[in-house]
Amino acid sequence: MRNGIEAKHWGTYLELNRPRKIVFTWIVDENDEADPSKVTLEIQPEDVGCTVTIAHEMDSKWIDYVERTERGWGRFLHEIDRTST
Protein backbone atom coordinates (compact mmCIF):
# COMPACT_ATOMS: atom_id res chain seq x y z
CA MET A 1 0.00 0.00 0.00
CA ARG A 2 1.19 3.47 -0.81
CA ASN A 3 -0.77 6.39 0.62
CA GLY A 4 -3.69 4.04 1.23
CA ILE A 5 -3.71 2.86 -2.39
CA GLU A 6 -2.59 -0.57 -3.53
CA ALA A 7 0.77 -0.23 -5.29
CA LYS A 8 1.16 -2.31 -8.43
CA HIS A 9 4.55 -3.73 -9.36
CA TRP A 10 5.45 -5.99 -12.25
CA GLY A 11 8.31 -6.90 -14.54
CA THR A 12 9.89 -9.48 -16.78
CA TYR A 13 12.32 -12.23 -15.87
CA LEU A 14 15.65 -11.64 -17.60
CA GLU A 15 17.57 -14.58 -16.11
CA LEU A 16 16.57 -17.64 -14.10
CA ASN A 17 19.50 -19.72 -12.90
CA ARG A 18 17.75 -21.94 -10.37
CA PRO A 19 18.35 -22.05 -7.50
CA ARG A 20 21.17 -19.48 -7.41
CA LYS A 21 20.19 -16.35 -9.32
CA ILE A 22 17.11 -14.46 -10.50
CA VAL A 23 17.23 -11.24 -12.53
CA PHE A 24 14.12 -9.29 -13.46
CA THR A 25 12.89 -5.86 -14.43
CA TRP A 26 10.97 -3.84 -11.81
CA ILE A 27 8.19 -1.50 -12.89
CA VAL A 28 6.16 0.45 -10.34
CA ASP A 29 3.56 2.14 -12.51
CA GLU A 30 2.69 2.74 -16.14
CA ASN A 31 5.01 5.77 -16.27
CA ASP A 32 8.11 3.61 -15.71
CA GLU A 33 7.35 0.95 -18.30
CA ALA A 34 9.78 2.44 -20.84
CA ASP A 35 12.62 2.66 -18.29
CA PRO A 36 12.34 -0.17 -15.74
CA SER A 37 14.86 -0.77 -13.01
CA LYS A 38 16.64 -4.14 -12.73
CA VAL A 39 16.73 -6.41 -9.70
CA THR A 40 19.26 -9.21 -9.19
CA LEU A 41 18.83 -11.77 -6.40
CA GLU A 42 21.77 -14.06 -5.73
CA ILE A 43 21.23 -16.97 -3.35
CA GLN A 44 24.18 -18.58 -1.59
CA PRO A 45 23.51 -21.78 0.40
CA GLU A 46 24.88 -21.88 3.95
CA ASP A 47 25.18 -24.74 6.45
CA VAL A 48 21.82 -23.61 7.80
CA GLY A 49 19.62 -21.62 5.42
CA CYS A 50 21.10 -19.28 2.85
CA THR A 51 22.37 -15.75 2.26
CA VAL A 52 20.51 -13.61 -0.25
CA THR A 53 22.10 -10.59 -1.90
CA ILE A 54 19.83 -8.13 -3.68
CA ALA A 55 21.07 -5.51 -6.13
CA HIS A 56 18.39 -3.10 -7.34
CA GLU A 57 19.73 -0.97 -10.20
CA MET A 58 17.64 2.12 -10.83
CA ASP A 59 17.89 5.42 -12.64
CA SER A 60 19.49 8.23 -10.65
CA LYS A 61 16.16 10.10 -10.73
CA TRP A 62 15.07 7.71 -7.92
CA ILE A 63 17.95 8.63 -5.57
CA ASP A 64 15.48 9.87 -2.94
CA TYR A 65 13.95 6.37 -2.80
CA VAL A 66 17.13 4.36 -2.13
CA GLU A 67 16.64 3.99 1.63
CA ARG A 68 12.93 3.26 1.24
CA THR A 69 13.75 0.61 -1.38
CA GLU A 70 16.36 -1.00 0.88
CA ARG A 71 13.86 -1.16 3.75
CA GLY A 72 11.23 -2.63 1.44
CA TRP A 73 13.46 -5.46 0.26
CA GLY A 74 14.49 -6.09 3.88
CA ARG A 75 10.83 -6.40 4.94
CA PHE A 76 10.15 -8.68 1.99
CA LEU A 77 12.99 -11.04 2.91
CA HIS A 78 11.99 -10.96 6.58
CA GLU A 79 8.44 -12.02 5.66
CA ILE A 80 9.73 -14.89 3.53
CA ASP A 81 11.96 -16.03 6.40
CA ARG A 82 9.12 -15.72 8.90
CA THR A 83 6.69 -17.73 6.79
CA SER A 84 9.17 -20.52 6.08
CA THR A 85 9.70 -21.51 9.71
PDB file of N, CA and C in Angstrom:
ATOM      1  N   MET A   1       0.839  -1.175   0.000  1.00  0.00           N
ATOM      2  CA  MET A   1       0.000   0.000   0.000  1.00  0.00           C
ATOM      3  C   MET A   1       0.890   1.247   0.000  1.00  0.00           C
ATOM      4  N   ARG A   2       0.499   2.199  -0.770  1.00  0.00           N
ATOM      5  CA  ARG A   2       1.194   3.473  -0.808  1.00  0.00           C
ATOM      6  C   ARG A   2       0.143   4.572  -0.706  1.00  0.00           C
ATOM      7  N   ASN A   3       0.217   5.336   0.377  1.00  0.00           N
ATOM      8  CA  ASN A   3      -0.769   6.394   0.618  1.00  0.00           C
ATOM      9  C   ASN A   3      -2.196   5.849   0.598  1.00  0.00           C
ATOM     10  N   GLY A   4      -2.376   4.642   1.156  1.00  0.00           N
ATOM     11  CA  GLY A   4      -3.694   4.039   1.232  1.00  0.00           C
ATOM     12  C   GLY A   4      -4.182   3.421  -0.066  1.00  0.00           C
ATOM     13  N   ILE A   5      -3.341   3.413  -1.087  1.00  0.00           N
ATOM     14  CA  ILE A   5      -3.709   2.862  -2.391  1.00  0.00           C
ATOM     15  C   ILE A   5      -2.795   1.664  -2.676  1.00  0.00           C
ATOM     16  N   GLU A   6      -3.391   0.604  -3.199  1.00  0.00           N
ATOM     17  CA  GLU A   6      -2.592  -0.574  -3.531  1.00  0.00           C
ATOM     18  C   GLU A   6      -1.572  -0.217  -4.608  1.00  0.00           C
ATOM     19  N   ALA A   7      -0.299  -0.495  -4.327  1.00  0.00           N
ATOM     20  CA  ALA A   7       0.768  -0.229  -5.288  1.00  0.00           C
ATOM     21  C   ALA A   7       0.921  -1.447  -6.195  1.00  0.00           C
ATOM     22  N   LYS A   8       1.017  -1.209  -7.470  1.00  0.00           N
ATOM     23  CA  LYS A   8       1.161  -2.306  -8.431  1.00  0.00           C
ATOM     24  C   LYS A   8       2.593  -2.340  -8.933  1.00  0.00           C
ATOM     25  N   HIS A   9       3.188  -3.520  -8.888  1.00  0.00           N
ATOM     26  CA  HIS A   9       4.553  -3.727  -9.356  1.00  0.00           C
ATOM     27  C   HIS A   9       4.547  -4.931 -10.297  1.00  0.00           C
ATOM     28  N   TRP A  10       5.323  -4.857 -11.342  1.00  0.00           N
ATOM     29  CA  TRP A  10       5.452  -5.992 -12.246  1.00  0.00           C
ATOM     30  C   TRP A  10       6.763  -5.885 -12.986  1.00  0.00           C
ATOM     31  N   GLY A  11       7.070  -6.899 -13.780  1.00  0.00           N
ATOM     32  CA  GLY A  11       8.306  -6.904 -14.538  1.00  0.00           C
ATOM     33  C   GLY A  11       8.412  -8.155 -15.377  1.00  0.00           C
ATOM     34  N   THR A  12       9.608  -8.348 -15.911  1.00  0.00           N
ATOM     35  CA  THR A  12       9.889  -9.477 -16.781  1.00  0.00           C
ATOM     36  C   THR A  12      11.155 -10.165 -16.294  1.00  0.00           C
ATOM     37  N   TYR A  13      11.112 -11.493 -16.223  1.00  0.00           N
ATOM     38  CA  TYR A  13      12.321 -12.233 -15.867  1.00  0.00           C
ATOM     39  C   TYR A  13      13.337 -12.105 -16.987  1.00  0.00           C
ATOM     40  N   LEU A  14      14.560 -11.759 -16.627  1.00  0.00           N
ATOM     41  CA  LEU A  14      15.646 -11.644 -17.596  1.00  0.00           C
ATOM     42  C   LEU A  14      16.585 -12.846 -17.519  1.00  0.00           C
ATOM     43  N   GLU A  15      16.689 -13.426 -16.314  1.00  0.00           N
ATOM     44  CA  GLU A  15      17.570 -14.584 -16.112  1.00  0.00           C
ATOM     45  C   GLU A  15      17.039 -15.411 -14.943  1.00  0.00           C
ATOM     46  N   LEU A  16      16.938 -16.709 -15.158  1.00  0.00           N
ATOM     47  CA  LEU A  16      16.570 -17.641 -14.099  1.00  0.00           C
ATOM     48  C   LEU A  16      17.628 -18.735 -14.074  1.00  0.00           C
ATOM     49  N   ASN A  17      18.455 -18.710 -13.072  1.00  0.00           N
ATOM     50  CA  ASN A  17      19.499 -19.723 -12.903  1.00  0.00           C
ATOM     51  C   ASN A  17      19.205 -20.417 -11.574  1.00  0.00           C
ATOM     52  N   ARG A  18      18.229 -21.303 -11.585  1.00  0.00           N
ATOM     53  CA  ARG A  18      17.754 -21.940 -10.367  1.00  0.00           C
ATOM     54  C   ARG A  18      18.792 -22.865  -9.781  1.00  0.00           C
ATOM     55  N   PRO A  19      18.994 -22.874  -8.522  1.00  0.00           N
ATOM     56  CA  PRO A  19      18.354 -22.052  -7.503  1.00  0.00           C
ATOM     57  C   PRO A  19      19.232 -20.899  -7.036  1.00  0.00           C
ATOM     58  N   ARG A  20      20.148 -20.436  -7.856  1.00  0.00           N
ATOM     59  CA  ARG A  20      21.166 -19.481  -7.407  1.00  0.00           C
ATOM     60  C   ARG A  20      20.934 -18.015  -7.761  1.00  0.00           C
ATOM     61  N   LYS A  21      20.248 -17.747  -8.872  1.00  0.00           N
ATOM     62  CA  LYS A  21      20.190 -16.355  -9.324  1.00  0.00           C
ATOM     63  C   LYS A  21      18.895 -16.088 -10.086  1.00  0.00           C
ATOM     64  N   ILE A  22      18.301 -14.927  -9.799  1.00  0.00           N
ATOM     65  CA  ILE A  22      17.110 -14.461 -10.500  1.00  0.00           C
ATOM     66  C   ILE A  22      17.351 -12.989 -10.845  1.00  0.00           C
ATOM     67  N   VAL A  23      17.103 -12.633 -12.090  1.00  0.00           N
ATOM     68  CA  VAL A  23      17.233 -11.239 -12.528  1.00  0.00           C
ATOM     69  C   VAL A  23      15.929 -10.868 -13.229  1.00  0.00           C
ATOM     70  N   PHE A  24      15.378  -9.703 -12.849  1.00  0.00           N
ATOM     71  CA  PHE A  24      14.118  -9.289 -13.456  1.00  0.00           C
ATOM     72  C   PHE A  24      14.013  -7.770 -13.497  1.00  0.00           C
ATOM     73  N   THR A  25      13.170  -7.286 -14.393  1.00  0.00           N
ATOM     74  CA  THR A  25      12.887  -5.856 -14.432  1.00  0.00           C
ATOM     75  C   THR A  25      11.868  -5.547 -13.339  1.00  0.00           C
ATOM     76  N   TRP A  26      11.858  -4.290 -12.886  1.00  0.00           N
ATOM     77  CA  TRP A  26      10.965  -3.844 -11.811  1.00  0.00           C
ATOM     78  C   TRP A  26      10.291  -2.571 -12.281  1.00  0.00           C
ATOM     79  N   ILE A  27       8.979  -2.646 -12.440  1.00  0.00           N
ATOM     80  CA  ILE A  27       8.191  -1.499 -12.893  1.00  0.00           C
ATOM     81  C   ILE A  27       7.158  -1.199 -11.819  1.00  0.00           C
ATOM     82  N   VAL A  28       7.069   0.065 -11.414  1.00  0.00           N
ATOM     83  CA  VAL A  28       6.159   0.449 -10.343  1.00  0.00           C
ATOM     84  C   VAL A  28       4.822   0.933 -10.895  1.00  0.00           C
ATOM     85  N   ASP A  29       4.819   1.698 -11.925  1.00  0.00           N
ATOM     86  CA  ASP A  29       3.557   2.144 -12.509  1.00  0.00           C
ATOM     87  C   ASP A  29       3.740   2.337 -14.006  1.00  0.00           C
ATOM     88  N   GLU A  30       2.664   2.636 -14.673  1.00  0.00           N
ATOM     89  CA  GLU A  30       2.691   2.741 -16.137  1.00  0.00           C
ATOM     90  C   GLU A  30       3.722   3.741 -16.642  1.00  0.00           C
ATOM     91  N   ASN A  31       4.061   4.742 -15.833  1.00  0.00           N
ATOM     92  CA  ASN A  31       5.014   5.766 -16.267  1.00  0.00           C
ATOM     93  C   ASN A  31       6.436   5.236 -16.387  1.00  0.00           C
ATOM     94  N   ASP A  32       6.757   4.144 -15.698  1.00  0.00           N
ATOM     95  CA  ASP A  32       8.113   3.612 -15.708  1.00  0.00           C
ATOM     96  C   ASP A  32       8.309   2.478 -16.711  1.00  0.00           C
ATOM     97  N   GLU A  33       7.277   2.117 -17.431  1.00  0.00           N
ATOM     98  CA  GLU A  33       7.347   0.949 -18.303  1.00  0.00           C
ATOM     99  C   GLU A  33       8.455   1.053 -19.348  1.00  0.00           C
ATOM    100  N   ALA A  34       8.743   2.249 -19.824  1.00  0.00           N
ATOM    101  CA  ALA A  34       9.776   2.435 -20.844  1.00  0.00           C
ATOM    102  C   ALA A  34      11.182   2.404 -20.249  1.00  0.00           C
ATOM    103  N   ASP A  35      11.305   2.596 -18.937  1.00  0.00           N
ATOM    104  CA  ASP A  35      12.620   2.656 -18.292  1.00  0.00           C
ATOM    105  C   ASP A  35      12.590   1.912 -16.956  1.00  0.00           C
ATOM    106  N   PRO A  36      12.429   0.580 -16.998  1.00  0.00           N
ATOM    107  CA  PRO A  36      12.338  -0.166 -15.739  1.00  0.00           C
ATOM    108  C   PRO A  36      13.686  -0.264 -15.037  1.00  0.00           C
ATOM    109  N   SER A  37      13.632  -0.477 -13.732  1.00  0.00           N
ATOM    110  CA  SER A  37      14.864  -0.768 -13.014  1.00  0.00           C
ATOM    111  C   SER A  37      15.114  -2.277 -13.108  1.00  0.00           C
ATOM    112  N   LYS A  38      16.278  -2.722 -12.640  1.00  0.00           N
ATOM    113  CA  LYS A  38      16.639  -4.140 -12.729  1.00  0.00           C
ATOM    114  C   LYS A  38      17.012  -4.644 -11.344  1.00  0.00           C
ATOM    115  N   VAL A  39      16.469  -5.797 -10.989  1.00  0.00           N
ATOM    116  CA  VAL A  39      16.733  -6.412  -9.697  1.00  0.00           C
ATOM    117  C   VAL A  39      17.448  -7.736  -9.921  1.00  0.00           C
ATOM    118  N   THR A  40      18.523  -7.953  -9.155  1.00  0.00           N
ATOM    119  CA  THR A  40      19.257  -9.212  -9.195  1.00  0.00           C
ATOM    120  C   THR A  40      19.265  -9.808  -7.797  1.00  0.00           C
ATOM    121  N   LEU A  41      18.782 -11.032  -7.666  1.00  0.00           N
ATOM    122  CA  LEU A  41      18.834 -11.771  -6.403  1.00  0.00           C
ATOM    123  C   LEU A  41      19.814 -12.918  -6.585  1.00  0.00           C
ATOM    124  N   GLU A  42      20.815 -12.958  -5.717  1.00  0.00           N
ATOM    125  CA  GLU A  42      21.771 -14.063  -5.726  1.00  0.00           C
ATOM    126  C   GLU A  42      21.623 -14.818  -4.415  1.00  0.00           C
ATOM    127  N   ILE A  43      21.498 -16.121  -4.510  1.00  0.00           N
ATOM    128  CA  ILE A  43      21.230 -16.966  -3.354  1.00  0.00           C
ATOM    129  C   ILE A  43      22.419 -17.889  -3.135  1.00  0.00           C
ATOM    130  N   GLN A  44      23.006 -17.786  -1.941  1.00  0.00           N
ATOM    131  CA  GLN A  44      24.183 -18.583  -1.591  1.00  0.00           C
ATOM    132  C   GLN A  44      23.813 -19.524  -0.439  1.00  0.00           C
ATOM    133  N   PRO A  45      23.832 -20.847  -0.676  1.00  0.00           N
ATOM    134  CA  PRO A  45      23.515 -21.780   0.405  1.00  0.00           C
ATOM    135  C   PRO A  45      24.529 -21.685   1.539  1.00  0.00           C
ATOM    136  N   GLU A  46      24.042 -21.850   2.755  1.00  0.00           N
ATOM    137  CA  GLU A  46      24.883 -21.883   3.951  1.00  0.00           C
ATOM    138  C   GLU A  46      24.649 -23.221   4.645  1.00  0.00           C
ATOM    139  N   ASP A  47      25.395 -23.500   5.699  1.00  0.00           N
ATOM    140  CA  ASP A  47      25.182 -24.738   6.448  1.00  0.00           C
ATOM    141  C   ASP A  47      23.740 -24.826   6.944  1.00  0.00           C
ATOM    142  N   VAL A  48      23.217 -23.699   7.389  1.00  0.00           N
ATOM    143  CA  VAL A  48      21.817 -23.606   7.803  1.00  0.00           C
ATOM    144  C   VAL A  48      21.202 -22.439   7.060  1.00  0.00           C
ATOM    145  N   GLY A  49      20.263 -22.689   6.177  1.00  0.00           N
ATOM    146  CA  GLY A  49      19.617 -21.624   5.417  1.00  0.00           C
ATOM    147  C   GLY A  49      20.454 -21.147   4.248  1.00  0.00           C
ATOM    148  N   CYS A  50      20.364 -19.852   3.974  1.00  0.00           N
ATOM    149  CA  CYS A  50      21.100 -19.279   2.851  1.00  0.00           C
ATOM    150  C   CYS A  50      21.291 -17.782   3.085  1.00  0.00           C
ATOM    151  N   THR A  51      22.169 -17.199   2.283  1.00  0.00           N
ATOM    152  CA  THR A  51      22.368 -15.753   2.264  1.00  0.00           C
ATOM    153  C   THR A  51      21.856 -15.253   0.922  1.00  0.00           C
ATOM    154  N   VAL A  52      21.046 -14.200   0.968  1.00  0.00           N
ATOM    155  CA  VAL A  52      20.505 -13.609  -0.252  1.00  0.00           C
ATOM    156  C   VAL A  52      21.078 -12.205  -0.404  1.00  0.00           C
ATOM    157  N   THR A  53      21.607 -11.927  -1.576  1.00  0.00           N
ATOM    158  CA  THR A  53      22.104 -10.592  -1.901  1.00  0.00           C
ATOM    159  C   THR A  53      21.192 -10.013  -2.974  1.00  0.00           C
ATOM    160  N   ILE A  54      20.708  -8.806  -2.726  1.00  0.00           N
ATOM    161  CA  ILE A  54      19.830  -8.135  -3.683  1.00  0.00           C
ATOM    162  C   ILE A  54      20.520  -6.874  -4.185  1.00  0.00           C
ATOM    163  N   ALA A  55      20.589  -6.740  -5.499  1.00  0.00           N
ATOM    164  CA  ALA A  55      21.067  -5.507  -6.129  1.00  0.00           C
ATOM    165  C   ALA A  55      19.910  -4.950  -6.947  1.00  0.00           C
ATOM    166  N   HIS A  56      19.497  -3.742  -6.626  1.00  0.00           N
ATOM    167  CA  HIS A  56      18.394  -3.098  -7.341  1.00  0.00           C
ATOM    168  C   HIS A  56      18.965  -1.887  -8.070  1.00  0.00           C
ATOM    169  N   GLU A  57      19.155  -2.032  -9.373  1.00  0.00           N
ATOM    170  CA  GLU A  57      19.730  -0.968 -10.197  1.00  0.00           C
ATOM    171  C   GLU A  57      18.602  -0.087 -10.720  1.00  0.00           C
ATOM    172  N   MET A  58      18.685   1.215 -10.391  1.00  0.00           N
ATOM    173  CA  MET A  58      17.642   2.121 -10.830  1.00  0.00           C
ATOM    174  C   MET A  58      18.244   3.430 -11.323  1.00  0.00           C
ATOM    175  N   ASP A  59      17.479   4.126 -12.102  1.00  0.00           N
ATOM    176  CA  ASP A  59      17.891   5.416 -12.638  1.00  0.00           C
ATOM    177  C   ASP A  59      18.176   6.390 -11.492  1.00  0.00           C
ATOM    178  N   SER A  60      19.118   7.274 -11.689  1.00  0.00           N
ATOM    179  CA  SER A  60      19.494   8.232 -10.650  1.00  0.00           C
ATOM    180  C   SER A  60      18.339   9.171 -10.264  1.00  0.00           C
ATOM    181  N   LYS A  61      17.302   9.253 -11.087  1.00  0.00           N
ATOM    182  CA  LYS A  61      16.158  10.096 -10.727  1.00  0.00           C
ATOM    183  C   LYS A  61      15.439   9.567  -9.483  1.00  0.00           C
ATOM    184  N   TRP A  62      15.715   8.322  -9.091  1.00  0.00           N
ATOM    185  CA  TRP A  62      15.075   7.708  -7.920  1.00  0.00           C
ATOM    186  C   TRP A  62      15.969   7.751  -6.684  1.00  0.00           C
ATOM    187  N   ILE A  63      16.995   8.575  -6.678  1.00  0.00           N
ATOM    188  CA  ILE A  63      17.951   8.635  -5.570  1.00  0.00           C
ATOM    189  C   ILE A  63      17.261   8.862  -4.221  1.00  0.00           C
ATOM    190  N   ASP A  64      16.191   9.608  -4.199  1.00  0.00           N
ATOM    191  CA  ASP A  64      15.482   9.869  -2.942  1.00  0.00           C
ATOM    192  C   ASP A  64      14.762   8.634  -2.401  1.00  0.00           C
ATOM    193  N   TYR A  65      14.669   7.577  -3.202  1.00  0.00           N
ATOM    194  CA  TYR A  65      13.953   6.371  -2.801  1.00  0.00           C
ATOM    195  C   TYR A  65      14.879   5.217  -2.422  1.00  0.00           C
ATOM    196  N   VAL A  66      16.189   5.447  -2.400  1.00  0.00           N
ATOM    197  CA  VAL A  66      17.134   4.363  -2.130  1.00  0.00           C
ATOM    198  C   VAL A  66      16.892   3.743  -0.759  1.00  0.00           C
ATOM    199  N   GLU A  67      16.842   4.549   0.288  1.00  0.00           N
ATOM    200  CA  GLU A  67      16.639   3.995   1.634  1.00  0.00           C
ATOM    201  C   GLU A  67      15.293   3.297   1.755  1.00  0.00           C
ATOM    202  N   ARG A  68      14.264   3.873   1.202  1.00  0.00           N
ATOM    203  CA  ARG A  68      12.932   3.258   1.243  1.00  0.00           C
ATOM    204  C   ARG A  68      12.950   1.910   0.512  1.00  0.00           C
ATOM    205  N   THR A  69      13.643   1.855  -0.619  1.00  0.00           N
ATOM    206  CA  THR A  69      13.745   0.608  -1.381  1.00  0.00           C
ATOM    207  C   THR A  69      14.501  -0.447  -0.583  1.00  0.00           C
ATOM    208  N   GLU A  70      15.601  -0.058   0.056  1.00  0.00           N
ATOM    209  CA  GLU A  70      16.362  -1.004   0.879  1.00  0.00           C
ATOM    210  C   GLU A  70      15.499  -1.562   2.017  1.00  0.00           C
ATOM    211  N   ARG A  71      14.749  -0.696   2.685  1.00  0.00           N
ATOM    212  CA  ARG A  71      13.857  -1.159   3.755  1.00  0.00           C
ATOM    213  C   ARG A  71      12.788  -2.103   3.209  1.00  0.00           C
ATOM    214  N   GLY A  72      12.261  -1.791   2.048  1.00  0.00           N
ATOM    215  CA  GLY A  72      11.226  -2.631   1.439  1.00  0.00           C
ATOM    216  C   GLY A  72      11.726  -4.027   1.139  1.00  0.00           C
ATOM    217  N   TRP A  73      12.910  -4.131   0.545  1.00  0.00           N
ATOM    218  CA  TRP A  73      13.465  -5.456   0.263  1.00  0.00           C
ATOM    219  C   TRP A  73      13.765  -6.189   1.562  1.00  0.00           C
ATOM    220  N   GLY A  74      14.230  -5.465   2.576  1.00  0.00           N
ATOM    221  CA  GLY A  74      14.486  -6.090   3.878  1.00  0.00           C
ATOM    222  C   GLY A  74      13.212  -6.663   4.484  1.00  0.00           C
ATOM    223  N   ARG A  75      12.118  -5.908   4.426  1.00  0.00           N
ATOM    224  CA  ARG A  75      10.829  -6.404   4.940  1.00  0.00           C
ATOM    225  C   ARG A  75      10.361  -7.615   4.150  1.00  0.00           C
ATOM    226  N   PHE A  76      10.534  -7.564   2.842  1.00  0.00           N
ATOM    227  CA  PHE A  76      10.146  -8.676   1.986  1.00  0.00           C
ATOM    228  C   PHE A  76      10.888  -9.953   2.387  1.00  0.00           C
ATOM    229  N   LEU A  77      12.211  -9.859   2.536  1.00  0.00           N
ATOM    230  CA  LEU A  77      12.994 -11.040   2.913  1.00  0.00           C
ATOM    231  C   LEU A  77      12.643 -11.510   4.318  1.00  0.00           C
ATOM    232  N   HIS A  78      12.371 -10.591   5.213  1.00  0.00           N
ATOM    233  CA  HIS A  78      11.987 -10.957   6.579  1.00  0.00           C
ATOM    234  C   HIS A  78      10.671 -11.741   6.551  1.00  0.00           C
ATOM    235  N   GLU A  79       9.723 -11.317   5.739  1.00  0.00           N
ATOM    236  CA  GLU A  79       8.440 -12.021   5.657  1.00  0.00           C
ATOM    237  C   GLU A  79       8.621 -13.419   5.084  1.00  0.00           C
ATOM    238  N   ILE A  80       9.465 -13.561   4.086  1.00  0.00           N
ATOM    239  CA  ILE A  80       9.726 -14.894   3.532  1.00  0.00           C
ATOM    240  C   ILE A  80      10.335 -15.787   4.602  1.00  0.00           C
ATOM    241  N   ASP A  81      11.312 -15.262   5.336  1.00  0.00           N
ATOM    242  CA  ASP A  81      11.964 -16.032   6.397  1.00  0.00           C
ATOM    243  C   ASP A  81      10.944 -16.402   7.472  1.00  0.00           C
ATOM    244  N   ARG A  82      10.113 -15.485   7.847  1.00  0.00           N
ATOM    245  CA  ARG A  82       9.121 -15.717   8.896  1.00  0.00           C
ATOM    246  C   ARG A  82       8.104 -16.778   8.498  1.00  0.00           C
ATOM    247  N   THR A  83       7.698 -16.791   7.228  1.00  0.00           N
ATOM    248  CA  THR A  83       6.691 -17.732   6.790  1.00  0.00           C
ATOM    249  C   THR A  83       7.262 -19.110   6.486  1.00  0.00           C
ATOM    250  N   SER A  84       8.577 -19.217   6.388  1.00  0.00           N
ATOM    251  CA  SER A  84       9.165 -20.516   6.076  1.00  0.00           C
ATOM    252  C   SER A  84       9.503 -21.338   7.306  1.00  0.00           C
ATOM    253  N   THR A  85       9.349 -20.764   8.496  1.00  0.00           N
ATOM    254  CA  THR A  85       9.697 -21.512   9.712  1.00  0.00           C
ATOM    255  C   THR A  85       8.477 -22.171  10.305  1.00  0.00           C
TER     256      THR A  85
END
